[in-house]
Protein backbone atom coordinates (compact mmCIF):
# COMPACT_ATOMS: atom_id res chain seq x y z
CA MET A 1 30.09 -24.71 90.52
CA LEU A 2 27.04 -24.74 92.62
CA LYS A 3 27.78 -24.44 96.29
CA LEU A 4 25.21 -25.93 98.64
CA LYS A 5 24.65 -24.28 102.16
CA THR A 6 24.23 -26.52 105.08
CA LYS A 7 21.79 -25.29 107.73
CA LYS A 8 23.08 -25.37 111.14
CA MET A 9 21.04 -24.72 114.33
CA ASP A 10 22.49 -22.32 116.83
CA VAL A 11 22.17 -23.36 120.28
CA PRO A 12 23.55 -20.87 123.23
CA VAL A 13 24.83 -22.10 126.16
CA LYS A 14 25.69 -19.71 129.16
CA VAL A 15 27.12 -22.13 131.74
CA LEU A 16 29.41 -25.36 131.39
CA PHE A 17 28.57 -27.73 134.14
CA LYS A 18 31.61 -29.96 135.23
CA GLY A 19 32.88 -29.54 131.68
CA GLN A 20 29.75 -30.28 129.95
CA ALA A 21 27.33 -28.34 127.75
CA SER A 22 23.58 -28.95 128.03
CA VAL A 23 21.15 -28.69 125.13
CA ARG A 24 17.36 -28.94 125.56
CA ASP A 25 16.35 -32.26 124.01
CA TYR A 26 13.65 -30.90 121.82
CA LEU A 27 16.36 -28.72 120.16
CA ALA A 28 18.67 -31.84 119.78
CA LYS A 29 15.76 -34.04 118.20
CA LYS A 30 15.23 -31.04 115.71
CA CYS A 31 18.88 -31.30 114.48
CA ILE A 32 18.47 -34.99 114.15
CA GLU A 33 15.10 -35.05 112.35
CA LYS A 34 16.10 -32.28 109.81
CA GLY A 35 19.68 -33.58 109.29
CA GLU A 36 21.14 -30.45 110.27
CA PRO A 37 24.43 -29.94 112.47
CA CYS A 38 24.03 -28.34 115.77
CA LYS A 39 26.43 -25.54 116.61
CA VAL A 40 26.77 -25.30 120.40
CA LYS A 41 27.96 -21.84 121.23
CA HIS A 42 29.64 -20.60 124.69
CA ALA A 43 32.06 -17.76 125.63
CA GLY A 44 32.93 -16.96 121.82
CA GLU A 45 33.74 -20.54 120.80
CA VAL A 46 31.60 -23.03 118.86
CA MET A 47 30.97 -26.87 119.12
CA THR A 48 29.68 -28.30 115.83
CA LEU A 49 27.85 -31.56 116.22
CA THR A 50 26.71 -33.69 113.22
CA PRO A 51 23.30 -35.33 113.57
CA GLU A 52 25.10 -38.47 114.10
CA GLU A 53 27.20 -36.94 116.81
CA VAL A 54 24.00 -35.56 118.56
CA THR A 55 23.20 -38.90 119.75
CA SER A 56 26.68 -40.71 119.75
CA LYS A 57 28.52 -37.88 121.83
CA ARG A 58 25.89 -37.42 124.22
CA VAL A 59 27.11 -38.33 127.61
CA GLY A 60 24.05 -38.03 129.81
CA ILE A 61 20.22 -36.92 129.86
CA SER A 62 18.92 -35.06 133.13
CA ASN A 63 16.69 -36.91 135.35
CA ARG A 64 13.93 -34.60 135.87
CA GLU A 65 11.89 -32.73 133.39
CA PHE A 66 12.20 -28.87 133.35
CA GLU A 67 9.20 -26.46 132.95
CA SER A 68 9.79 -23.67 130.34
CA GLN A 69 9.32 -20.17 131.32
CA HIS A 70 8.71 -19.00 127.51
CA GLY A 71 5.83 -21.30 126.44
CA THR A 72 7.92 -23.95 124.82
CA PRO A 73 7.47 -27.48 125.56
CA ALA A 74 8.97 -28.92 128.83
CA TYR A 75 12.28 -30.60 128.36
CA ARG A 76 15.28 -32.53 129.43
CA LEU A 77 18.93 -31.69 128.97
CA TRP A 78 21.22 -33.68 126.80
CA ASN A 79 24.80 -33.47 128.14
CA TYR A 80 27.93 -33.34 125.91
CA TRP A 81 31.75 -32.97 126.77
CA TRP A 82 32.74 -29.41 125.92
CA GLU A 83 35.21 -29.74 123.00
CA PRO A 84 35.07 -26.66 120.91
CA ASP A 85 36.10 -26.80 117.11
CA GLN A 86 39.79 -26.05 116.50
CA ILE A 87 40.39 -23.23 114.10
CA GLU A 88 43.33 -23.39 112.09
CA LEU A 89 45.01 -20.15 111.56
């Protein structure tokens, strides 16, 4: 039996703001375009968003555009309620 691997984009988040995780828009759009799940990581926990959820679970977009300090494009933040995946033991 052939097992297909699903690629996932890892997005580390250092701080939650009012219970929300913020993802840079170009990373979220990349997940949608490639049809890959987005793994948002914070404090040892993971929240996995399907490409559809990247749009449907978004609760807000930053009003201003941020300039990158590392040569990546300017970006806005897409916000999601922090709902880490449940792991059954």
